[in-house]
Amino acid sequence: MMKVEIKDLSFKCIIGILDFERIKKQKVVINISFEYTFKKDEFIDYSKVSAFIQTQMKKKKFLLIEDAILYFEKKLYKNYKIKNLYIMISKPDILKNCIVSVSN
């Protein structure tokens, strides 16, 4: 069993329910980890996983971080033979004195 960790994937996108969050892109930081059974001819290309996450975050413009996490859980379990998926999405600049994160 192998464990893949994609840490500190950061970019800007539209996410949130407040008016200003729907207009101006804000920074998000995503951490993902999962386990899978490694075979030389069946490995998971983590660059494709991270590119998929980034593309979908920008394309979907989720209202809630929770919506994004549920969406990615569904898609990643469907597309890959993985176990123990963990996703944390943070919005480091949304509040003045802290970082807001949601995880599954």
Protein backbone atom coordinates (compact mmCIF):
# COMPACT_ATOMS: atom_id res chain seq x y z
CA MET A 1 0.00 0.00 0.00
CA MET A 2 1.38 3.40 -1.01
CA LYS A 3 0.36 6.79 0.33
CA VAL A 4 0.30 9.84 -1.92
CA GLU A 5 0.28 13.32 -0.41
CA ILE A 6 -0.26 16.44 -2.47
CA LYS A 7 0.53 19.32 -0.14
CA ASP A 8 0.09 23.06 -0.45
CA LEU A 9 -1.42 23.10 -3.93
CA SER A 10 -2.21 26.82 -4.13
CA PHE A 11 -3.88 29.00 -6.72
CA LYS A 12 -6.62 31.61 -7.03
CA CYS A 13 -10.24 30.90 -7.90
CA ILE A 14 -13.82 31.99 -7.26
CA ILE A 15 -15.23 30.26 -4.18
CA GLY A 16 -17.65 31.47 -1.54
CA ILE A 17 -21.18 32.67 -0.94
CA LEU A 18 -20.63 36.34 -0.24
CA ASP A 19 -20.86 38.86 -3.09
CA PHE A 20 -17.21 39.87 -2.99
CA GLU A 21 -16.18 36.18 -3.02
CA ARG A 22 -18.08 35.66 -6.27
CA ILE A 23 -16.31 38.55 -8.03
CA LYS A 24 -12.69 38.57 -6.94
CA LYS A 25 -10.54 35.45 -7.06
CA GLN A 26 -9.11 34.40 -3.73
CA LYS A 27 -6.26 32.15 -2.79
CA VAL A 28 -6.99 28.55 -1.84
CA VAL A 29 -4.58 25.96 -0.56
CA ILE A 30 -5.44 22.29 -0.99
CA ASN A 31 -3.93 19.27 0.72
CA ILE A 32 -4.89 15.79 -0.43
CA SER A 33 -3.75 12.36 0.65
CA PHE A 34 -4.86 8.88 -0.30
CA GLU A 35 -3.63 5.31 -0.31
CA TYR A 36 -3.59 2.81 -3.14
CA THR A 37 -2.14 -0.56 -4.02
CA PHE A 38 0.89 0.08 -6.16
CA LYS A 39 1.61 -2.07 -9.20
CA LYS A 40 4.23 -1.12 -11.77
CA ASP A 41 1.63 -1.04 -14.55
CA GLU A 42 -1.08 0.58 -12.37
CA PHE A 43 0.18 3.69 -10.67
CA ILE A 44 -1.61 6.96 -9.99
CA ASP A 45 -0.19 10.00 -11.75
CA TYR A 46 -0.32 12.61 -8.98
CA SER A 47 0.34 15.41 -11.49
CA LYS A 48 -2.94 14.51 -13.22
CA VAL A 49 -4.76 14.47 -9.86
CA SER A 50 -3.44 17.91 -8.90
CA ALA A 51 -4.19 19.32 -12.38
CA PHE A 52 -7.73 17.92 -12.20
CA ILE A 53 -8.31 19.51 -8.78
CA GLN A 54 -7.03 22.89 -9.93
CA THR A 55 -8.98 22.84 -13.21
CA GLN A 56 -12.25 21.86 -11.53
CA MET A 57 -11.88 24.44 -8.75
CA LYS A 58 -11.48 27.18 -11.33
CA LYS A 59 -14.20 25.86 -13.64
CA LYS A 60 -16.92 24.99 -11.10
CA LYS A 61 -16.71 28.13 -8.93
CA PHE A 62 -18.07 26.33 -5.87
CA LEU A 63 -20.20 28.22 -3.35
CA LEU A 64 -18.93 26.29 -0.34
CA ILE A 65 -15.66 24.55 0.42
CA GLU A 66 -17.77 21.64 1.63
CA ASP A 67 -19.35 21.34 -1.83
CA ALA A 68 -15.91 21.14 -3.42
CA ILE A 69 -14.75 18.44 -1.00
CA LEU A 70 -17.84 16.30 -1.63
CA TYR A 71 -17.43 16.74 -5.40
CA PHE A 72 -13.77 15.68 -5.30
CA GLU A 73 -14.48 12.72 -3.04
CA LYS A 74 -17.01 11.42 -5.52
CA LYS A 75 -14.82 12.00 -8.58
CA LEU A 76 -11.57 10.67 -7.13
CA TYR A 77 -13.14 7.49 -5.72
CA LYS A 78 -14.87 6.95 -9.07
CA ASN A 79 -11.78 7.53 -11.22
CA TYR A 80 -9.10 5.83 -9.10
CA LYS A 81 -8.77 2.73 -6.96
CA ILE A 82 -7.94 4.61 -3.78
CA LYS A 83 -8.57 4.28 -0.08
CA ASN A 84 -8.53 6.66 2.86
CA LEU A 85 -8.96 9.86 0.90
CA TYR A 86 -8.35 13.04 2.87
CA ILE A 87 -8.95 16.52 1.47
CA MET A 88 -8.42 19.85 3.19
CA ILE A 89 -9.20 23.14 1.47
CA SER A 90 -8.03 26.36 3.10
CA LYS A 91 -8.79 29.98 2.36
CA PRO A 92 -5.79 31.72 3.97
CA ASP A 93 -6.81 35.30 3.17
CA ILE A 94 -10.57 35.30 3.78
CA LEU A 95 -10.45 36.46 7.42
CA LYS A 96 -8.05 39.01 8.81
CA ASN A 97 -6.54 37.11 11.72
CA CYS A 98 -6.72 33.44 10.73
CA ILE A 99 -6.80 30.78 8.05
CA VAL A 100 -10.13 29.03 7.43
CA SER A 101 -9.98 25.35 6.44
CA VAL A 102 -12.50 22.59 5.89
CA SER A 103 -11.64 18.90 5.64
CA ASN A 104 -13.40 15.58 5.35
